[in-house]
Amino acid sequence: MTAKEHEYWVYIMASLSGTLYTGITGAFFTRVMQHKSGEIEGFSRQYKCNRLVYYERFEDVRMAIAREKQIKRWRSVKEDSFD
């Protein structure tokens, strides 16, 4: 008998106006449905980020966290270039 592999997901949700939310989870389908129904308090609910636009799967949580940080840095660099 083998142990169930761990899965971690980095995902991006978007609003109709283009606002993006990047997150990480170990329960991908549950988390996406929470965003879609507005259950997640804070930024994603405030800006209605309820459309899944991107996701990646990882077996190592450290790799998933690194990827999430990379995506968030990339967005910040892009936003700074428009100033």
C-alpha atoms as a PDB file:
ATOM      1  CA  MET A   1       0.000   0.000   0.000  1.00  0.00           C
ATOM      2  CA  THR A   2       1.391   3.405  -0.944  1.00  0.00           C
ATOM      3  CA  ALA A   3       0.709   6.667   0.808  1.00  0.00           C
ATOM      4  CA  LYS A   4      -1.313   9.247  -1.095  1.00  0.00           C
ATOM      5  CA  GLU A   5       0.908  11.816  -2.722  1.00  0.00           C
ATOM      6  CA  HIS A   6       0.522  15.373  -1.585  1.00  0.00           C
ATOM      7  CA  GLU A   7      -0.665  17.872  -4.156  1.00  0.00           C
ATOM      8  CA  TYR A   8      -0.302  21.620  -3.981  1.00  0.00           C
ATOM      9  CA  TRP A   9      -1.740  24.039  -6.455  1.00  0.00           C
ATOM     10  CA  VAL A  10      -0.792  27.591  -7.402  1.00  0.00           C
ATOM     11  CA  TYR A  11      -3.709  29.315  -9.055  1.00  0.00           C
ATOM     12  CA  ILE A  12      -4.840  32.660 -10.389  1.00  0.00           C
ATOM     13  CA  MET A  13      -8.409  33.903 -10.118  1.00  0.00           C
ATOM     14  CA  ALA A  14      -9.596  36.959 -12.039  1.00  0.00           C
ATOM     15  CA  SER A  15     -12.488  39.370 -11.882  1.00  0.00           C
ATOM     16  CA  LEU A  16     -14.419  40.478 -14.948  1.00  0.00           C
ATOM     17  CA  SER A  17     -12.540  43.798 -14.763  1.00  0.00           C
ATOM     18  CA  GLY A  18      -9.139  42.035 -14.865  1.00  0.00           C
ATOM     19  CA  THR A  19      -8.114  42.186 -11.203  1.00  0.00           C
ATOM     20  CA  LEU A  20      -5.998  39.120 -10.367  1.00  0.00           C
ATOM     21  CA  TYR A  21      -5.621  37.066  -7.185  1.00  0.00           C
ATOM     22  CA  THR A  22      -2.808  34.514  -6.873  1.00  0.00           C
ATOM     23  CA  GLY A  23      -3.034  31.795  -4.236  1.00  0.00           C
ATOM     24  CA  ILE A  24      -1.786  28.392  -3.142  1.00  0.00           C
ATOM     25  CA  THR A  25      -3.821  25.483  -1.793  1.00  0.00           C
ATOM     26  CA  GLY A  26      -3.750  21.779  -1.084  1.00  0.00           C
ATOM     27  CA  ALA A  27      -7.470  21.467  -1.866  1.00  0.00           C
ATOM     28  CA  PHE A  28      -7.716  22.861  -5.373  1.00  0.00           C
ATOM     29  CA  PHE A  29     -11.304  22.103  -6.388  1.00  0.00           C
ATOM     30  CA  THR A  30     -12.697  23.088  -2.986  1.00  0.00           C
ATOM     31  CA  ARG A  31     -10.776  26.380  -3.007  1.00  0.00           C
ATOM     32  CA  VAL A  32     -11.861  27.305  -6.531  1.00  0.00           C
ATOM     33  CA  MET A  33     -15.503  26.691  -5.614  1.00  0.00           C
ATOM     34  CA  GLN A  34     -15.058  28.838  -2.477  1.00  0.00           C
ATOM     35  CA  HIS A  35     -13.788  31.697  -4.636  1.00  0.00           C
ATOM     36  CA  LYS A  36     -16.638  31.241  -7.124  1.00  0.00           C
ATOM     37  CA  SER A  37     -19.259  31.372  -4.365  1.00  0.00           C
ATOM     38  CA  GLY A  38     -17.633  34.348  -2.587  1.00  0.00           C
ATOM     39  CA  GLU A  39     -16.804  32.364   0.584  1.00  0.00           C
ATOM     40  CA  ILE A  40     -13.188  33.571   0.727  1.00  0.00           C
ATOM     41  CA  GLU A  41     -13.105  36.813   2.699  1.00  0.00           C
ATOM     42  CA  GLY A  42     -10.749  39.637   1.867  1.00  0.00           C
ATOM     43  CA  PHE A  43      -9.227  40.751  -1.417  1.00  0.00           C
ATOM     44  CA  SER A  44     -10.710  38.082  -3.683  1.00  0.00           C
ATOM     45  CA  ARG A  45     -14.256  38.692  -2.435  1.00  0.00           C
ATOM     46  CA  GLN A  46     -13.887  42.470  -2.427  1.00  0.00           C
ATOM     47  CA  TYR A  47     -12.727  42.518  -6.041  1.00  0.00           C
ATOM     48  CA  LYS A  48     -14.941  39.591  -7.154  1.00  0.00           C
ATOM     49  CA  CYS A  49     -12.026  37.409  -8.299  1.00  0.00           C
ATOM     50  CA  ASN A  50     -14.149  34.365  -9.086  1.00  0.00           C
ATOM     51  CA  ARG A  51     -12.942  33.160 -12.502  1.00  0.00           C
ATOM     52  CA  LEU A  52     -10.145  30.583 -12.609  1.00  0.00           C
ATOM     53  CA  VAL A  53      -7.676  31.650 -15.312  1.00  0.00           C
ATOM     54  CA  TYR A  54      -4.522  29.645 -14.504  1.00  0.00           C
ATOM     55  CA  TYR A  55      -3.244  26.813 -12.326  1.00  0.00           C
ATOM     56  CA  GLU A  56      -0.177  24.622 -11.801  1.00  0.00           C
ATOM     57  CA  ARG A  57       0.206  21.407  -9.756  1.00  0.00           C
ATOM     58  CA  PHE A  58       3.184  20.618  -7.505  1.00  0.00           C
ATOM     59  CA  GLU A  59       4.113  17.661  -5.314  1.00  0.00           C
ATOM     60  CA  ASP A  60       6.496  19.741  -3.159  1.00  0.00           C
ATOM     61  CA  VAL A  61       4.986  22.565  -1.110  1.00  0.00           C
ATOM     62  CA  ARG A  62       8.275  24.510  -1.199  1.00  0.00           C
ATOM     63  CA  MET A  63       8.200  24.522  -4.991  1.00  0.00           C
ATOM     64  CA  ALA A  64       4.581  25.693  -4.974  1.00  0.00           C
ATOM     65  CA  ILE A  65       5.370  28.522  -2.551  1.00  0.00           C
ATOM     66  CA  ALA A  66       8.372  29.565  -4.650  1.00  0.00           C
ATOM     67  CA  ARG A  67       6.209  29.628  -7.785  1.00  0.00           C
ATOM     68  CA  GLU A  68       3.494  31.681  -6.078  1.00  0.00           C
ATOM     69  CA  LYS A  69       6.124  34.209  -4.976  1.00  0.00           C
ATOM     70  CA  GLN A  70       7.604  34.279  -8.482  1.00  0.00           C
ATOM     71  CA  ILE A  71       4.211  35.039 -10.017  1.00  0.00           C
ATOM     72  CA  LYS A  72       3.501  37.768  -7.461  1.00  0.00           C
ATOM     73  CA  ARG A  73       6.932  39.362  -8.066  1.00  0.00           C
ATOM     74  CA  TRP A  74       6.369  39.247 -11.827  1.00  0.00           C
ATOM     75  CA  ARG A  75       3.058  41.060 -11.473  1.00  0.00           C
ATOM     76  CA  SER A  76       4.661  43.706  -9.229  1.00  0.00           C
ATOM     77  CA  VAL A  77       7.486  44.302 -11.702  1.00  0.00           C
ATOM     78  CA  LYS A  78       4.974  44.614 -14.536  1.00  0.00           C
ATOM     79  CA  GLU A  79       2.824  47.074 -12.547  1.00  0.00           C
ATOM     80  CA  ASP A  80       5.899  49.168 -11.632  1.00  0.00           C
ATOM     81  CA  SER A  81       6.858  49.464 -15.309  1.00  0.00           C
ATOM     82  CA  PHE A  82       3.602  51.364 -15.999  1.00  0.00           C
ATOM     83  CA  ASP A  83       4.352  54.143 -13.478  1.00  0.00           C
END
